[in-house]
Amino acid sequence: MGADHSGKPAPARDRMGALLIDKPAGITSHRVVQSLRKLTRIKKVGHTGTLDPFATGLLPVLLGKTTRLSRFLTESTKAYLCVVDLSYATDTYDIEGKKSTPVFTSYPARESIERLLKSFVGTGPQVPPMFSAKKVKGEKLYNLARKGVEIPRDPVDVTISGISLLSYYDRYLTMLVRCSMGTYMRSLAHDIGRELGGGAHLSCLRRIETGGFHIKNAVALHTLERLEKPGNIRRYLIPPEKMLVHYPSLTLSDRGEADFSHGRPVQGKDVLEKAGRKTEDASTYLRVFNTRNVLLGLAERPVKKAGGADRVFYYQPAVVLGLPFPHE
């Protein structure tokens, strides 16, 4: 007995889910959230990772109780299309900053660039740019940068799982980069210029993957803003059941569902079905479903507790989404 979590989910909860927005250049991620809050008339709306105003691409926006899943989506691998301009460096490391030195006297050969890019693959330290929202002693770096203040920044370990050089024409490098949360493409562009012996800045940035979602499934913000009926936005809503699909899953009995939905640990005997990787894997959370294929939330890996002569598995709720409609 159980549910097929790759199939059609239970009836959608209209005020929960994700909207995959193809953010245009020139607006902030916060502006997208404000617009969707007005369109959906839902107060609790949040994105899963800021894109700079000049950047475009995939910005998942969560509605209602689905915002409780935000950190799990934010921590996922990202993929970006980046264009790096080797003509000069800037103080912001991107196209919006002021020109600074050094500059190249002649541009490097493609072989040198490809060799350098391979050296960035893996886990290593990266210094955040001054023009960033990262806080140092409670102060956002960009607030200090706007005052002309530059302070030392501790490097942070980031992981770049792959860099592909798609084209090298004139002074422009076009790259596909896959990386961990917290990796700054602007810092990568700056470091590329420095390591090649000249200056460089990020001239174009487009995010194409994050949170297990892809840009091909995104919708333009203006498309939603032009809908004749606000309710029509539901056709673009990704239900919670289709999020975090790379996580293993559990299907609970009615008793297990009642315990989980009230934040109580669930005993292993109330698990009707397991799917995906081994549920004992300490590095993962598990998606928790009821028998109607509704996502109830996420559970932590099972723990064993002594119970007389036996040791019993318990699954501890990590995120509880709740059910906004009665059982059918």
C-alpha atoms as a PDB file:
ATOM      1  CA  MET A   1       0.000   0.000   0.000  1.00  0.00           C
ATOM      2  CA  GLY A   2       1.246   3.506  -0.696  1.00  0.00           C
ATOM      3  CA  ALA A   3       1.384   6.352  -3.157  1.00  0.00           C
ATOM      4  CA  ASP A   4       3.235   6.824  -6.417  1.00  0.00           C
ATOM      5  CA  HIS A   5       5.090  10.071  -5.735  1.00  0.00           C
ATOM      6  CA  SER A   6       6.135  10.460  -9.381  1.00  0.00           C
ATOM      7  CA  GLY A   7       2.499  10.527 -10.479  1.00  0.00           C
ATOM      8  CA  LYS A   8      -0.265  13.043 -10.190  1.00  0.00           C
ATOM      9  CA  PRO A   9      -0.400  14.620  -6.716  1.00  0.00           C
ATOM     10  CA  ALA A  10      -3.444  14.990  -4.534  1.00  0.00           C
ATOM     11  CA  PRO A  11      -5.707  18.020  -5.091  1.00  0.00           C
ATOM     12  CA  ALA A  12      -3.533  21.161  -5.130  1.00  0.00           C
ATOM     13  CA  ARG A  13      -3.526  23.530  -2.178  1.00  0.00           C
ATOM     14  CA  ASP A  14      -4.137  26.807  -3.909  1.00  0.00           C
ATOM     15  CA  ARG A  15      -2.213  28.943  -1.441  1.00  0.00           C
ATOM     16  CA  MET A  16       0.864  26.728  -1.315  1.00  0.00           C
ATOM     17  CA  GLY A  17       3.519  25.982  -3.906  1.00  0.00           C
ATOM     18  CA  ALA A  18       6.246  27.612  -5.979  1.00  0.00           C
ATOM     19  CA  LEU A  19       6.156  30.030  -8.884  1.00  0.00           C
ATOM     20  CA  LEU A  20       9.221  29.760 -11.119  1.00  0.00           C
ATOM     21  CA  ILE A  21       9.942  33.295 -12.283  1.00  0.00           C
ATOM     22  CA  ASP A  22      12.278  34.251 -15.109  1.00  0.00           C
ATOM     23  CA  LYS A  23      13.497  37.465 -13.505  1.00  0.00           C
ATOM     24  CA  PRO A  24      14.244  40.288 -15.939  1.00  0.00           C
ATOM     25  CA  ALA A  25      17.249  42.585 -15.606  1.00  0.00           C
ATOM     26  CA  GLY A  26      16.864  45.880 -13.809  1.00  0.00           C
ATOM     27  CA  ILE A  27      14.728  44.859 -10.834  1.00  0.00           C
ATOM     28  CA  THR A  28      15.539  43.360  -7.456  1.00  0.00           C
ATOM     29  CA  SER A  29      14.457  39.930  -6.243  1.00  0.00           C
ATOM     30  CA  HIS A  30      12.529  41.715  -3.493  1.00  0.00           C
ATOM     31  CA  ARG A  31      10.565  43.607  -6.137  1.00  0.00           C
ATOM     32  CA  VAL A  32       9.497  40.253  -7.652  1.00  0.00           C
ATOM     33  CA  VAL A  33       8.286  39.077  -4.241  1.00  0.00           C
ATOM     34  CA  GLN A  34       6.330  42.305  -3.690  1.00  0.00           C
ATOM     35  CA  SER A  35       4.651  41.964  -7.073  1.00  0.00           C
ATOM     36  CA  LEU A  36       3.634  38.346  -6.433  1.00  0.00           C
ATOM     37  CA  ARG A  37       2.381  39.180  -2.965  1.00  0.00           C
ATOM     38  CA  LYS A  38       0.024  41.676  -4.548  1.00  0.00           C
ATOM     39  CA  LEU A  39      -0.997  39.350  -7.398  1.00  0.00           C
ATOM     40  CA  THR A  40      -1.700  36.322  -5.209  1.00  0.00           C
ATOM     41  CA  ARG A  41      -3.017  38.233  -2.193  1.00  0.00           C
ATOM     42  CA  ILE A  42      -0.903  35.958  -0.020  1.00  0.00           C
ATOM     43  CA  LYS A  43       1.094  37.650   2.739  1.00  0.00           C
ATOM     44  CA  LYS A  44       3.720  34.964   3.214  1.00  0.00           C
ATOM     45  CA  VAL A  45       5.807  34.981   0.032  1.00  0.00           C
ATOM     46  CA  GLY A  46       9.566  34.525  -0.272  1.00  0.00           C
ATOM     47  CA  HIS A  47      12.254  33.691  -2.825  1.00  0.00           C
ATOM     48  CA  THR A  48      14.924  31.010  -2.502  1.00  0.00           C
ATOM     49  CA  GLY A  49      18.054  32.994  -3.267  1.00  0.00           C
ATOM     50  CA  THR A  50      18.704  36.569  -4.364  1.00  0.00           C
ATOM     51  CA  LEU A  51      19.667  37.480  -7.906  1.00  0.00           C
ATOM     52  CA  ASP A  52      21.493  40.786  -8.424  1.00  0.00           C
ATOM     53  CA  PRO A  53      19.393  43.467 -10.155  1.00  0.00           C
ATOM     54  CA  PHE A  54      21.437  43.235 -13.390  1.00  0.00           C
ATOM     55  CA  ALA A  55      21.119  39.418 -13.426  1.00  0.00           C
ATOM     56  CA  THR A  56      18.325  37.462 -15.093  1.00  0.00           C
ATOM     57  CA  GLY A  57      16.963  33.974 -14.840  1.00  0.00           C
ATOM     58  CA  LEU A  58      15.405  31.485 -12.509  1.00  0.00           C
ATOM     59  CA  LEU A  59      13.989  32.825  -9.247  1.00  0.00           C
ATOM     60  CA  PRO A  60      11.745  30.306  -7.438  1.00  0.00           C
ATOM     61  CA  VAL A  61       9.206  32.100  -5.251  1.00  0.00           C
ATOM     62  CA  LEU A  62       7.421  30.158  -2.503  1.00  0.00           C
ATOM     63  CA  LEU A  63       3.875  30.844  -1.336  1.00  0.00           C
ATOM     64  CA  GLY A  64       2.236  30.340   2.029  1.00  0.00           C
ATOM     65  CA  LYS A  65       3.445  27.506   4.246  1.00  0.00           C
ATOM     66  CA  THR A  66       5.680  26.274   1.435  1.00  0.00           C
ATOM     67  CA  THR A  67       8.145  29.003   2.522  1.00  0.00           C
ATOM     68  CA  ARG A  68       9.068  26.569   5.300  1.00  0.00           C
ATOM     69  CA  LEU A  69      10.923  24.556   2.636  1.00  0.00           C
ATOM     70  CA  SER A  70      13.040  27.533   1.586  1.00  0.00           C
ATOM     71  CA  ARG A  71      16.341  26.552   3.186  1.00  0.00           C
ATOM     72  CA  PHE A  72      16.254  23.089   1.623  1.00  0.00           C
ATOM     73  CA  LEU A  73      15.827  24.599  -1.838  1.00  0.00           C
ATOM     74  CA  THR A  74      18.389  27.347  -1.227  1.00  0.00           C
ATOM     75  CA  GLU A  75      21.095  24.851  -0.272  1.00  0.00           C
ATOM     76  CA  SER A  76      20.914  23.058  -3.614  1.00  0.00           C
ATOM     77  CA  THR A  77      23.429  23.230  -6.465  1.00  0.00           C
ATOM     78  CA  LYS A  78      23.055  26.215  -8.823  1.00  0.00           C
ATOM     79  CA  ALA A  79      23.865  26.567 -12.509  1.00  0.00           C
ATOM     80  CA  TYR A  80      24.669  29.873 -14.219  1.00  0.00           C
ATOM     81  CA  LEU A  81      25.443  31.160 -17.677  1.00  0.00           C
ATOM     82  CA  CYS A  82      28.103  33.832 -17.225  1.00  0.00           C
ATOM     83  CA  VAL A  83      29.786  36.267 -19.564  1.00  0.00           C
ATOM     84  CA  VAL A  84      33.138  37.588 -18.326  1.00  0.00           C
ATOM     85  CA  ASP A  85      34.582  40.720 -19.925  1.00  0.00           C
ATOM     86  CA  LEU A  86      38.406  40.753 -19.923  1.00  0.00           C
ATOM     87  CA  SER A  87      38.718  44.403 -20.928  1.00  0.00           C
ATOM     88  CA  TYR A  88      38.904  45.847 -17.379  1.00  0.00           C
ATOM     89  CA  ALA A  89      38.150  45.235 -13.710  1.00  0.00           C
ATOM     90  CA  THR A  90      35.503  47.109 -11.675  1.00  0.00           C
ATOM     91  CA  ASP A  91      35.080  47.904  -7.997  1.00  0.00           C
ATOM     92  CA  THR A  92      31.874  45.837  -7.828  1.00  0.00           C
ATOM     93  CA  TYR A  93      33.321  42.988  -9.931  1.00  0.00           C
ATOM     94  CA  ASP A  94      30.409  43.405 -12.369  1.00  0.00           C
ATOM     95  CA  ILE A  95      29.290  45.645 -15.235  1.00  0.00           C
ATOM     96  CA  GLU A  96      27.601  48.170 -12.917  1.00  0.00           C
ATOM     97  CA  GLY A  97      30.802  49.170 -11.136  1.00  0.00           C
ATOM     98  CA  LYS A  98      33.485  51.787 -11.757  1.00  0.00           C
ATOM     99  CA  LYS A  99      36.427  50.847 -13.924  1.00  0.00           C
ATOM    100  CA  SER A 100      39.609  49.992 -12.089  1.00  0.00           C
ATOM    101  CA  THR A 101      43.000  48.568 -12.875  1.00  0.00           C
ATOM    102  CA  PRO A 102      44.655  46.351 -13.946  1.00  0.00           C
ATOM    103  CA  VAL A 103      43.880  45.847 -17.626  1.00  0.00           C
ATOM    104  CA  PHE A 104      45.234  43.360 -20.145  1.00  0.00           C
ATOM    105  CA  THR A 105      47.804  44.563 -22.668  1.00  0.00           C
ATOM    106  CA  SER A 106      46.877  41.542 -24.809  1.00  0.00           C
ATOM    107  CA  TYR A 107      44.228  38.876 -24.272  1.00  0.00           C
ATOM    108  CA  PRO A 108      45.263  35.369 -23.229  1.00  0.00           C
ATOM    109  CA  ALA A 109      45.089  32.341 -25.513  1.00  0.00           C
ATOM    110  CA  ARG A 110      42.075  30.044 -25.195  1.00  0.00           C
ATOM    111  CA  GLU A 111      44.304  27.202 -23.959  1.00  0.00           C
ATOM    112  CA  SER A 112      45.488  29.333 -21.028  1.00  0.00           C
ATOM    113  CA  ILE A 113      41.916  30.188 -20.105  1.00  0.00           C
ATOM    114  CA  GLU A 114      40.709  26.574 -20.283  1.00  0.00           C
ATOM    115  CA  ARG A 115      43.630  25.460 -18.118  1.00  0.00           C
ATOM    116  CA  LEU A 116      42.853  28.152 -15.547  1.00  0.00           C
ATOM    117  CA  LEU A 117      39.135  27.337 -15.418  1.00  0.00           C
ATOM    118  CA  LYS A 118      39.911  23.718 -14.559  1.00  0.00           C
ATOM    119  CA  SER A 119      41.862  24.928 -11.520  1.00  0.00           C
ATOM    120  CA  PHE A 120      38.706  26.482 -10.049  1.00  0.00           C
ATOM    121  CA  VAL A 121      36.821  23.159 -10.061  1.00  0.00           C
ATOM    122  CA  GLY A 122      36.511  21.647  -6.588  1.00  0.00           C
ATOM    123  CA  THR A 123      36.140  23.046  -3.085  1.00  0.00           C
ATOM    124  CA  GLY A 124      38.249  26.018  -2.140  1.00  0.00           C
ATOM    125  CA  PRO A 125      38.256  29.503  -0.580  1.00  0.00           C
ATOM    126  CA  GLN A 126      36.542  32.470  -2.220  1.00  0.00           C
ATOM    127  CA  VAL A 127      36.577  36.042  -0.905  1.00  0.00           C
ATOM    128  CA  PRO A 128      33.106  37.668  -1.035  1.00  0.00           C
ATOM    129  CA  PRO A 129      32.952  40.989  -2.941  1.00  0.00           C
ATOM    130  CA  MET A 130      32.562  44.215  -0.990  1.00  0.00           C
ATOM    131  CA  PHE A 131      29.378  44.947  -2.920  1.00  0.00           C
ATOM    132  CA  SER A 132      27.400  42.048  -1.444  1.00  0.00           C
ATOM    133  CA  ALA A 133      24.733  41.495   1.184  1.00  0.00           C
ATOM    134  CA  LYS A 134      27.075  39.434   3.343  1.00  0.00           C
ATOM    135  CA  LYS A 135      27.284  40.770   6.901  1.00  0.00           C
ATOM    136  CA  VAL A 136      30.479  41.438   8.821  1.00  0.00           C
ATOM    137  CA  LYS A 137      29.941  42.366  12.479  1.00  0.00           C
ATOM    138  CA  GLY A 138      26.279  43.022  11.741  1.00  0.00           C
ATOM    139  CA  GLU A 139      26.936  45.419   8.844  1.00  0.00           C
ATOM    140  CA  LYS A 140      26.112  44.547   5.247  1.00  0.00           C
ATOM    141  CA  LEU A 141      29.211  44.863   3.106  1.00  0.00           C
ATOM    142  CA  TYR A 142      27.505  46.890   0.383  1.00  0.00           C
ATOM    143  CA  ASN A 143      26.571  49.572   2.929  1.00  0.00           C
ATOM    144  CA  LEU A 144      30.245  49.992   3.784  1.00  0.00           C
ATOM    145  CA  ALA A 145      31.260  49.865   0.120  1.00  0.00           C
ATOM    146  CA  ARG A 146      28.866  52.697  -0.750  1.00  0.00           C
ATOM    147  CA  LYS A 147      30.613  54.819   1.896  1.00  0.00           C
ATOM    148  CA  GLY A 148      33.953  54.102   0.243  1.00  0.00           C
ATOM    149  CA  VAL A 149      35.021  51.783   3.046  1.00  0.00           C
ATOM    150  CA  GLU A 150      36.738  48.505   2.230  1.00  0.00           C
ATOM    151  CA  ILE A 151      37.441  45.982   4.978  1.00  0.00           C
ATOM    152  CA  PRO A 152      39.227  42.631   4.979  1.00  0.00           C
ATOM    153  CA  ARG A 153      36.876  39.720   4.272  1.00  0.00           C
ATOM    154  CA  ASP A 154      37.523  36.186   5.380  1.00  0.00           C
ATOM    155  CA  PRO A 155      37.450  33.687   2.535  1.00  0.00           C
ATOM    156  CA  VAL A 156      34.584  31.193   2.528  1.00  0.00           C
ATOM    157  CA  ASP A 157      34.856  27.652   1.198  1.00  0.00           C
ATOM    158  CA  VAL A 158      32.662  27.137  -1.866  1.00  0.00           C
ATOM    159  CA  THR A 159      32.352  24.250  -4.288  1.00  0.00           C
ATOM    160  CA  ILE A 160      32.455  24.604  -8.061  1.00  0.00           C
ATOM    161  CA  SER A 161      31.471  21.245  -9.502  1.00  0.00           C
ATOM    162  CA  GLY A 162      32.009  22.213 -13.133  1.00  0.00           C
ATOM    163  CA  ILE A 163      32.983  25.031 -15.502  1.00  0.00           C
ATOM    164  CA  SER A 164      32.533  24.767 -19.263  1.00  0.00           C
ATOM    165  CA  LEU A 165      33.927  27.411 -21.603  1.00  0.00           C
ATOM    166  CA  LEU A 166      31.154  27.752 -24.185  1.00  0.00           C
ATOM    167  CA  SER A 167      32.773  30.472 -26.276  1.00  0.00           C
ATOM    168  CA  TYR A 168      35.696  32.921 -26.321  1.00  0.00           C
ATOM    169  CA  TYR A 169      35.188  35.782 -28.745  1.00  0.00           C
ATOM    170  CA  ASP A 170      37.111  39.041 -28.701  1.00  0.00           C
ATOM    171  CA  ARG A 171      37.355  39.875 -24.973  1.00  0.00           C
ATOM    172  CA  TYR A 172      34.321  37.886 -23.820  1.00  0.00           C
ATOM    173  CA  LEU A 173      34.271  34.479 -22.123  1.00  0.00           C
ATOM    174  CA  THR A 174      30.912  32.696 -21.997  1.00  0.00           C
ATOM    175  CA  MET A 175      30.814  29.959 -19.371  1.00  0.00           C
ATOM    176  CA  LEU A 176      28.416  27.466 -17.815  1.00  0.00           C
ATOM    177  CA  VAL A 177      29.152  27.158 -14.087  1.00  0.00           C
ATOM    178  CA  ARG A 178      27.704  24.671 -11.600  1.00  0.00           C
ATOM    179  CA  CYS A 179      28.357  25.565  -7.987  1.00  0.00           C
ATOM    180  CA  SER A 180      27.266  25.433  -4.373  1.00  0.00           C
ATOM    181  CA  MET A 181      25.209  27.942  -2.453  1.00  0.00           C
ATOM    182  CA  GLY A 182      27.195  31.048  -1.516  1.00  0.00           C
ATOM    183  CA  THR A 183      29.412  31.070  -4.609  1.00  0.00           C
ATOM    184  CA  TYR A 184      29.723  34.557  -6.097  1.00  0.00           C
ATOM    185  CA  MET A 185      29.982  34.629  -9.875  1.00  0.00           C
ATOM    186  CA  ARG A 186      31.277  38.206  -9.608  1.00  0.00           C
ATOM    187  CA  SER A 187      34.167  37.042  -7.439  1.00  0.00           C
ATOM    188  CA  LEU A 188      34.856  34.207  -9.866  1.00  0.00           C
ATOM    189  CA  ALA A 189      35.044  36.691 -12.774  1.00  0.00           C
ATOM    190  CA  HIS A 190      37.368  38.962 -10.781  1.00  0.00           C
ATOM    191  CA  ASP A 191      39.592  36.025  -9.814  1.00  0.00           C
ATOM    192  CA  ILE A 192      39.800  34.846 -13.431  1.00  0.00           C
ATOM    193  CA  GLY A 193      41.119  38.248 -14.503  1.00  0.00           C
ATOM    194  CA  ARG A 194      43.572  38.406 -11.623  1.00  0.00           C
ATOM    195  CA  GLU A 195      44.956  34.909 -12.246  1.00  0.00           C
ATOM    196  CA  LEU A 196      45.361  35.660 -15.957  1.00  0.00           C
ATOM    197  CA  GLY A 197      47.365  38.753 -15.098  1.00  0.00           C
ATOM    198  CA  GLY A 198      44.856  41.450 -15.997  1.00  0.00           C
ATOM    199  CA  GLY A 199      41.399  42.734 -15.128  1.00  0.00           C
ATOM    200  CA  ALA A 200      37.962  41.228 -15.654  1.00  0.00           C
ATOM    201  CA  HIS A 201      34.377  41.748 -14.576  1.00  0.00           C
ATOM    202  CA  LEU A 202      31.069  39.938 -14.875  1.00  0.00           C
ATOM    203  CA  SER A 203      29.115  41.524 -17.722  1.00  0.00           C
ATOM    204  CA  CYS A 204      26.141  39.146 -17.887  1.00  0.00           C
ATOM    205  CA  LEU A 205      24.653  36.601 -15.476  1.00  0.00           C
ATOM    206  CA  ARG A 206      21.714  34.247 -15.987  1.00  0.00           C
ATOM    207  CA  ARG A 207      20.710  31.556 -13.505  1.00  0.00           C
ATOM    208  CA  ILE A 208      19.322  28.473 -15.225  1.00  0.00           C
ATOM    209  CA  GLU A 209      19.050  25.936 -12.387  1.00  0.00           C
ATOM    210  CA  THR A 210      18.394  26.053  -8.646  1.00  0.00           C
ATOM    211  CA  GLY A 211      16.415  24.056  -6.107  1.00  0.00           C
ATOM    212  CA  GLY A 212      15.973  21.189  -8.542  1.00  0.00           C
ATOM    213  CA  PHE A 213      14.138  23.511 -10.969  1.00  0.00           C
ATOM    214  CA  HIS A 214      15.163  24.590 -14.486  1.00  0.00           C
ATOM    215  CA  ILE A 215      14.714  27.844 -16.354  1.00  0.00           C
ATOM    216  CA  LYS A 216      12.823  26.063 -19.158  1.00  0.00           C
ATOM    217  CA  ASN A 217       9.860  25.758 -16.782  1.00  0.00           C
ATOM    218  CA  ALA A 218       9.919  29.405 -15.660  1.00  0.00           C
ATOM    219  CA  VAL A 219       7.429  32.116 -16.562  1.00  0.00           C
ATOM    220  CA  ALA A 220       8.096  35.802 -17.202  1.00  0.00           C
ATOM    221  CA  LEU A 221       6.916  38.127 -14.433  1.00  0.00           C
ATOM    222  CA  HIS A 222       5.058  40.347 -16.914  1.00  0.00           C
ATOM    223  CA  THR A 223       3.056  37.308 -18.072  1.00  0.00           C
ATOM    224  CA  LEU A 224       1.652  36.899 -14.568  1.00  0.00           C
ATOM    225  CA  GLU A 225       1.096  40.631 -14.142  1.00  0.00           C
ATOM    226  CA  ARG A 226      -1.035  40.700 -17.313  1.00  0.00           C
ATOM    227  CA  LEU A 227      -3.375  37.861 -16.358  1.00  0.00           C
ATOM    228  CA  GLU A 228      -7.012  38.905 -16.636  1.00  0.00           C
ATOM    229  CA  LYS A 229      -8.019  36.947 -13.528  1.00  0.00           C
ATOM    230  CA  PRO A 230      -5.662  36.636 -10.538  1.00  0.00           C
ATOM    231  CA  GLY A 231      -6.883  33.074 -10.001  1.00  0.00           C
ATOM    232  CA  ASN A 232      -5.365  32.059 -13.338  1.00  0.00           C
ATOM    233  CA  ILE A 233      -1.947  32.223 -11.698  1.00  0.00           C
ATOM    234  CA  ARG A 234      -2.669  28.759 -10.303  1.00  0.00           C
ATOM    235  CA  ARG A 235      -1.882  27.181 -13.655  1.00  0.00           C
ATOM    236  CA  TYR A 236       1.772  28.147 -13.126  1.00  0.00           C
ATOM    237  CA  LEU A 237       1.951  26.943  -9.523  1.00  0.00           C
ATOM    238  CA  ILE A 238       4.305  24.038  -8.738  1.00  0.00           C
ATOM    239  CA  PRO A 239       2.678  22.029  -5.911  1.00  0.00           C
ATOM    240  CA  PRO A 240       4.725  21.045  -2.842  1.00  0.00           C
ATOM    241  CA  GLU A 241       4.521  17.398  -3.951  1.00  0.00           C
ATOM    242  CA  LYS A 242       6.814  18.214  -6.902  1.00  0.00           C
ATOM    243  CA  MET A 243       9.523  19.871  -4.806  1.00  0.00           C
ATOM    244  CA  LEU A 244      12.707  18.289  -3.459  1.00  0.00           C
ATOM    245  CA  VAL A 245      12.049  15.207  -5.568  1.00  0.00           C
ATOM    246  CA  HIS A 246      15.674  14.063  -5.137  1.00  0.00           C
ATOM    247  CA  TYR A 247      14.948  13.360  -1.465  1.00  0.00           C
ATOM    248  CA  PRO A 248      13.826   9.859  -0.404  1.00  0.00           C
ATOM    249  CA  SER A 249      10.251   9.591   0.801  1.00  0.00           C
ATOM    250  CA  LEU A 250       7.918   7.895   3.269  1.00  0.00           C
ATOM    251  CA  THR A 251       4.215   7.177   3.123  1.00  0.00           C
ATOM    252  CA  LEU A 252       2.474   7.146   6.502  1.00  0.00           C
ATOM    253  CA  SER A 253      -0.578   5.422   7.860  1.00  0.00           C
ATOM    254  CA  ASP A 254      -3.465   7.558   9.114  1.00  0.00           C
ATOM    255  CA  ARG A 255      -2.143   7.295  12.654  1.00  0.00           C
ATOM    256  CA  GLY A 256       1.341   8.264  11.522  1.00  0.00           C
ATOM    257  CA  GLU A 257      -0.102  11.196   9.601  1.00  0.00           C
ATOM    258  CA  ALA A 258      -1.918  12.445  12.705  1.00  0.00           C
ATOM    259  CA  ASP A 259       1.263  12.243  14.786  1.00  0.00           C
ATOM    260  CA  PHE A 260       3.433  13.916  12.146  1.00  0.00           C
ATOM    261  CA  SER A 261       0.945  16.721  11.464  1.00  0.00           C
ATOM    262  CA  HIS A 262       0.989  17.587  15.171  1.00  0.00           C
ATOM    263  CA  GLY A 263       4.791  17.609  15.291  1.00  0.00           C
ATOM    264  CA  ARG A 264       5.099  14.295  17.102  1.00  0.00           C
ATOM    265  CA  PRO A 265       7.708  11.647  16.215  1.00  0.00           C
ATOM    266  CA  VAL A 266       6.395   8.843  14.011  1.00  0.00           C
ATOM    267  CA  GLN A 267       7.145   5.225  14.791  1.00  0.00           C
ATOM    268  CA  GLY A 268       8.572   3.021  12.082  1.00  0.00           C
ATOM    269  CA  LYS A 269       5.546   0.723  12.262  1.00  0.00           C
ATOM    270  CA  ASP A 270       3.400   3.607  10.928  1.00  0.00           C
ATOM    271  CA  VAL A 271       5.479   3.834   7.733  1.00  0.00           C
ATOM    272  CA  LEU A 272       3.653   2.065   4.907  1.00  0.00           C
ATOM    273  CA  GLU A 273       6.204   2.610   2.161  1.00  0.00           C
ATOM    274  CA  LYS A 274       9.753   3.863   1.639  1.00  0.00           C
ATOM    275  CA  ALA A 275      11.132   5.101  -1.657  1.00  0.00           C
ATOM    276  CA  GLY A 276      14.467   6.465  -2.866  1.00  0.00           C
ATOM    277  CA  ARG A 277      17.804   6.223  -1.112  1.00  0.00           C
ATOM    278  CA  LYS A 278      18.204   4.323   2.153  1.00  0.00           C
ATOM    279  CA  THR A 279      16.227   6.138   4.825  1.00  0.00           C
ATOM    280  CA  GLU A 280      19.053   5.468   7.279  1.00  0.00           C
ATOM    281  CA  ASP A 281      21.335   7.800   5.281  1.00  0.00           C
ATOM    282  CA  ALA A 282      22.417  10.386   7.860  1.00  0.00           C
ATOM    283  CA  SER A 283      23.017  13.081   5.231  1.00  0.00           C
ATOM    284  CA  THR A 284      19.416  13.410   4.077  1.00  0.00           C
ATOM    285  CA  TYR A 285      15.935  14.417   5.095  1.00  0.00           C
ATOM    286  CA  LEU A 286      12.894  12.544   3.911  1.00  0.00           C
ATOM    287  CA  ARG A 287       9.725  13.780   2.247  1.00  0.00           C
ATOM    288  CA  VAL A 288       6.664  12.580   4.148  1.00  0.00           C
ATOM    289  CA  PHE A 289       3.378  11.772   2.386  1.00  0.00           C
ATOM    290  CA  ASN A 290      -0.020  10.514   3.451  1.00  0.00           C
ATOM    291  CA  THR A 291      -1.923   7.805   1.583  1.00  0.00           C
ATOM    292  CA  ARG A 292      -3.581  10.434  -0.634  1.00  0.00           C
ATOM    293  CA  ASN A 293      -0.176  11.504  -1.972  1.00  0.00           C
ATOM    294  CA  VAL A 294      -0.212  14.849  -0.131  1.00  0.00           C
ATOM    295  CA  LEU A 295       3.160  16.114   1.074  1.00  0.00           C
ATOM    296  CA  LEU A 296       2.950  16.572   4.848  1.00  0.00           C
ATOM    297  CA  GLY A 297       6.476  17.934   5.257  1.00  0.00           C
ATOM    298  CA  LEU A 298      10.010  16.695   5.888  1.00  0.00           C
ATOM    299  CA  ALA A 299      11.332  14.319   8.522  1.00  0.00           C
ATOM    300  CA  GLU A 300      14.834  13.902   9.857  1.00  0.00           C
ATOM    301  CA  ARG A 301      16.612  10.595   9.416  1.00  0.00           C
ATOM    302  CA  PRO A 302      15.290   7.847  11.688  1.00  0.00           C
ATOM    303  CA  VAL A 303      16.701   7.427  15.166  1.00  0.00           C
ATOM    304  CA  LYS A 304      16.523   4.372  17.375  1.00  0.00           C
ATOM    305  CA  LYS A 305      15.162   4.563  20.888  1.00  0.00           C
ATOM    306  CA  ALA A 306      15.165   1.815  23.448  1.00  0.00           C
ATOM    307  CA  GLY A 307      11.776   0.220  23.921  1.00  0.00           C
ATOM    308  CA  GLY A 308      12.016  -2.682  26.310  1.00  0.00           C
ATOM    309  CA  ALA A 309      13.882  -5.509  24.654  1.00  0.00           C
ATOM    310  CA  ASP A 310      13.452  -3.911  21.207  1.00  0.00           C
ATOM    311  CA  ARG A 311      14.859  -0.814  19.558  1.00  0.00           C
ATOM    312  CA  VAL A 312      12.212   1.185  17.679  1.00  0.00           C
ATOM    313  CA  PHE A 313      12.692   3.539  14.705  1.00  0.00           C
ATOM    314  CA  TYR A 314      11.308   7.054  15.124  1.00  0.00           C
ATOM    315  CA  TYR A 315      11.076   9.735  12.439  1.00  0.00           C
ATOM    316  CA  GLN A 316      11.265  13.257  13.839  1.00  0.00           C
ATOM    317  CA  PRO A 317       9.334  16.018  11.999  1.00  0.00           C
ATOM    318  CA  ALA A 318      11.669  18.713  10.638  1.00  0.00           C
ATOM    319  CA  VAL A 319       9.122  20.733   8.629  1.00  0.00           C
ATOM    320  CA  VAL A 320       5.340  20.332   8.962  1.00  0.00           C
ATOM    321  CA  LEU A 321       3.279  21.865   6.174  1.00  0.00           C
ATOM    322  CA  GLY A 322      -0.108  20.892   7.555  1.00  0.00           C
ATOM    323  CA  LEU A 323      -3.319  20.199   5.685  1.00  0.00           C
ATOM    324  CA  PRO A 324      -5.462  23.229   4.784  1.00  0.00           C
ATOM    325  CA  PHE A 325      -8.377  21.030   3.811  1.00  0.00           C
ATOM    326  CA  PRO A 326     -10.159  18.142   5.607  1.00  0.00           C
ATOM    327  CA  HIS A 327      -9.517  14.515   4.760  1.00  0.00           C
ATOM    328  CA  GLU A 328     -11.496  13.249   1.825  1.00  0.00           C
END
